[in-house]
C-alpha atoms as a PDB file:
ATOM      1  CA  MET A   1       0.000   0.000   0.000  1.00  0.00           C
ATOM      2  CA  PRO A   2       2.757   2.559   0.806  1.00  0.00           C
ATOM      3  CA  LEU A   3       4.382   1.867  -2.540  1.00  0.00           C
ATOM      4  CA  LEU A   4       1.082   2.479  -4.332  1.00  0.00           C
ATOM      5  CA  LEU A   5       0.675   5.761  -2.473  1.00  0.00           C
ATOM      6  CA  ALA A   6       4.222   6.828  -3.383  1.00  0.00           C
ATOM      7  CA  VAL A   7       3.652   6.043  -7.061  1.00  0.00           C
ATOM      8  CA  THR A   8       0.346   7.921  -7.039  1.00  0.00           C
ATOM      9  CA  VAL A   9       1.901  11.012  -5.446  1.00  0.00           C
ATOM     10  CA  GLY A  10       4.746  10.880  -7.948  1.00  0.00           C
ATOM     11  CA  LEU A  11       2.388  10.651 -10.907  1.00  0.00           C
ATOM     12  CA  VAL A  12       0.231  13.517  -9.668  1.00  0.00           C
ATOM     13  CA  TRP A  13       3.340  15.658  -9.217  1.00  0.00           C
ATOM     14  CA  LEU A  14       4.516  14.797 -12.744  1.00  0.00           C
ATOM     15  CA  LEU A  15       1.121  15.831 -14.090  1.00  0.00           C
ATOM     16  CA  ALA A  16       1.458  19.154 -12.258  1.00  0.00           C
ATOM     17  CA  VAL A  17       4.905  19.680 -13.787  1.00  0.00           C
ATOM     18  CA  GLY A  18       3.568  18.852 -17.256  1.00  0.00           C
ATOM     19  CA  ALA A  19       0.658  21.268 -16.905  1.00  0.00           C
ATOM     20  CA  ALA A  20       2.991  24.022 -15.672  1.00  0.00           C
ATOM     21  CA  GLN A  21       5.340  23.426 -18.637  1.00  0.00           C
ATOM     22  CA  VAL A  22       2.432  23.856 -21.047  1.00  0.00           C
ATOM     23  CA  ARG A  23       1.529  27.132 -19.304  1.00  0.00           C
ATOM     24  CA  ILE A  24       5.169  28.320 -19.567  1.00  0.00           C
ATOM     25  CA  VAL A  25       5.193  27.573 -23.316  1.00  0.00           C
ATOM     26  CA  ASP A  26       1.872  29.409 -23.740  1.00  0.00           C
ATOM     27  CA  ALA A  27       3.199  32.388 -21.754  1.00  0.00           C
ATOM     28  CA  ALA A  28       6.316  32.693 -23.929  1.00  0.00           C
ATOM     29  CA  ARG A  29       4.237  32.435 -27.097  1.00  0.00           C
ATOM     30  CA  GLU A  30       1.657  34.966 -25.893  1.00  0.00           C
ATOM     31  CA  SER A  31       4.363  37.495 -24.967  1.00  0.00           C
ATOM     32  CA  ALA A  32       6.222  37.065 -28.252  1.00  0.00           C
ATOM     33  CA  ARG A  33       3.040  37.515 -30.287  1.00  0.00           C
ATOM     34  CA  ALA A  34       1.987  40.606 -28.331  1.00  0.00           C
ATOM     35  CA  ALA A  35       5.407  42.219 -28.744  1.00  0.00           C
ATOM     36  CA  ALA A  36       5.463  41.328 -32.467  1.00  0.00           C
ATOM     37  CA  ARG A  37       2.087  43.067 -32.894  1.00  0.00           C
ATOM     38  CA  GLY A  38       3.621  46.243 -31.514  1.00  0.00           C
ATOM     39  CA  ASP A  39       2.420  46.161 -27.897  1.00  0.00           C
ATOM     40  CA  SER A  40       4.773  47.747 -25.370  1.00  0.00           C
ATOM     41  CA  GLU A  41       7.150  45.473 -23.502  1.00  0.00           C
ATOM     42  CA  SER A  42       5.232  45.826 -20.235  1.00  0.00           C
ATOM     43  CA  VAL A  43       1.921  44.942 -21.916  1.00  0.00           C
ATOM     44  CA  ALA A  44       3.460  41.961 -23.739  1.00  0.00           C
ATOM     45  CA  VAL A  45       5.072  40.628 -20.557  1.00  0.00           C
ATOM     46  CA  GLY A  46       1.822  41.194 -18.670  1.00  0.00           C
ATOM     47  CA  ARG A  47      -0.073  39.104 -21.211  1.00  0.00           C
ATOM     48  CA  GLY A  48       2.386  36.279 -20.725  1.00  0.00           C
ATOM     49  CA  LEU A  49       2.356  36.502 -16.946  1.00  0.00           C
ATOM     50  CA  ALA A  50      -1.436  36.239 -17.004  1.00  0.00           C
ATOM     51  CA  VAL A  51      -1.005  32.749 -18.492  1.00  0.00           C
ATOM     52  CA  ALA A  52       2.144  31.642 -16.669  1.00  0.00           C
ATOM     53  CA  PRO A  53       2.269  29.876 -13.302  1.00  0.00           C
ATOM     54  CA  ASP A  54       2.758  32.115 -10.256  1.00  0.00           C
ATOM     55  CA  GLY A  55       6.327  33.269  -9.735  1.00  0.00           C
ATOM     56  CA  SER A  56       7.313  32.976 -13.396  1.00  0.00           C
ATOM     57  CA  ARG A  57       9.555  35.461 -15.206  1.00  0.00           C
ATOM     58  CA  ILE A  58       9.409  36.571 -18.823  1.00  0.00           C
ATOM     59  CA  THR A  59      12.069  38.461 -20.742  1.00  0.00           C
ATOM     60  CA  LEU A  60      11.818  39.908 -24.242  1.00  0.00           C
ATOM     61  CA  GLY A  61      14.520  40.529 -26.794  1.00  0.00           C
ATOM     62  CA  THR A  62      14.608  41.722 -30.374  1.00  0.00           C
ATOM     63  CA  ASP A  63      16.868  40.730 -33.219  1.00  0.00           C
ATOM     64  CA  GLY A  64      16.126  42.637 -36.376  1.00  0.00           C
ATOM     65  CA  ASP A  65      12.594  41.737 -37.414  1.00  0.00           C
ATOM     66  CA  ARG A  66      12.128  39.004 -34.773  1.00  0.00           C
ATOM     67  CA  VAL A  67      10.996  39.128 -31.163  1.00  0.00           C
ATOM     68  CA  THR A  68      12.120  36.461 -28.721  1.00  0.00           C
ATOM     69  CA  ALA A  69      10.311  35.791 -25.449  1.00  0.00           C
ATOM     70  CA  THR A  70      11.841  33.572 -22.793  1.00  0.00           C
ATOM     71  CA  ALA A  71       9.702  32.347 -19.908  1.00  0.00           C
ATOM     72  CA  THR A  72      11.050  30.579 -16.826  1.00  0.00           C
ATOM     73  CA  GLY A  73       9.354  29.210 -13.766  1.00  0.00           C
ATOM     74  CA  GLU A  74       9.592  26.592 -11.084  1.00  0.00           C
ATOM     75  CA  VAL A  75       7.320  23.935  -9.639  1.00  0.00           C
ATOM     76  CA  ALA A  76       8.006  22.994  -6.022  1.00  0.00           C
ATOM     77  CA  GLY A  77       8.626  19.373  -5.118  1.00  0.00           C
ATOM     78  CA  PRO A  78       5.744  17.253  -3.874  1.00  0.00           C
ATOM     79  CA  GLY A  79       6.469  18.034  -0.198  1.00  0.00           C
ATOM     80  CA  GLY A  80       5.255  16.037   2.785  1.00  0.00           C
ATOM     81  CA  LEU A  81       7.077  12.734   3.021  1.00  0.00           C
ATOM     82  CA  PHE A  82       8.635  13.507  -0.366  1.00  0.00           C
ATOM     83  CA  ARG A  83      10.148  16.880   0.553  1.00  0.00           C
ATOM     84  CA  PHE A  84      13.593  15.499  -0.240  1.00  0.00           C
ATOM     85  CA  LEU A  85      12.691  15.596  -3.943  1.00  0.00           C
ATOM     86  CA  PRO A  86      13.778  18.783  -5.706  1.00  0.00           C
ATOM     87  CA  GLY A  87      11.445  21.081  -7.598  1.00  0.00           C
ATOM     88  CA  ALA A  88      11.400  21.283 -11.375  1.00  0.00           C
ATOM     89  CA  ARG A  89      12.724  24.304 -13.282  1.00  0.00           C
ATOM     90  CA  LEU A  90      10.717  25.139 -16.388  1.00  0.00           C
ATOM     91  CA  HIS A  91      11.900  27.032 -19.463  1.00  0.00           C
ATOM     92  CA  ALA A  92      10.427  27.960 -22.841  1.00  0.00           C
ATOM     93  CA  THR A  93      11.401  30.280 -25.678  1.00  0.00           C
ATOM     94  CA  ALA A  94       9.152  31.593 -28.436  1.00  0.00           C
ATOM     95  CA  VAL A  95      10.068  33.625 -31.519  1.00  0.00           C
ATOM     96  CA  ALA A  96       7.678  35.739 -33.587  1.00  0.00           C
ATOM     97  CA  ALA A  97       8.239  37.933 -36.638  1.00  0.00           C
ATOM     98  CA  THR A  98       7.335  41.575 -36.128  1.00  0.00           C
ATOM     99  CA  GLU A  99       4.261  42.681 -37.986  1.00  0.00           C
ATOM    100  CA  ALA A 100       4.363  45.631 -40.350  1.00  0.00           C
ATOM    101  CA  VAL A 101       2.418  48.628 -39.087  1.00  0.00           C
ATOM    102  CA  PRO A 102       0.027  49.910 -41.808  1.00  0.00           C
END
């Protein structure tokens, strides 16, 4: 029974990490698209942070006609009896071409 509980807790934690990684990818993409449309950096980062897990960070960079957004975050370990397990660091980068302003 304890082994079954440990496996269940581990699987639930892995699902939480997977869901947070998807949110990090979405946050990077959302920020890159907003900046490529011409939104200010603070607005673009704000759009990404609205999607990202709490405590995430987003940075923007430009290279010619491309905008790069990098999102990072962390998911704490499962805690309780499993507090010895480390948390997971999450990272995603998205690139978008700047749109021409009519």
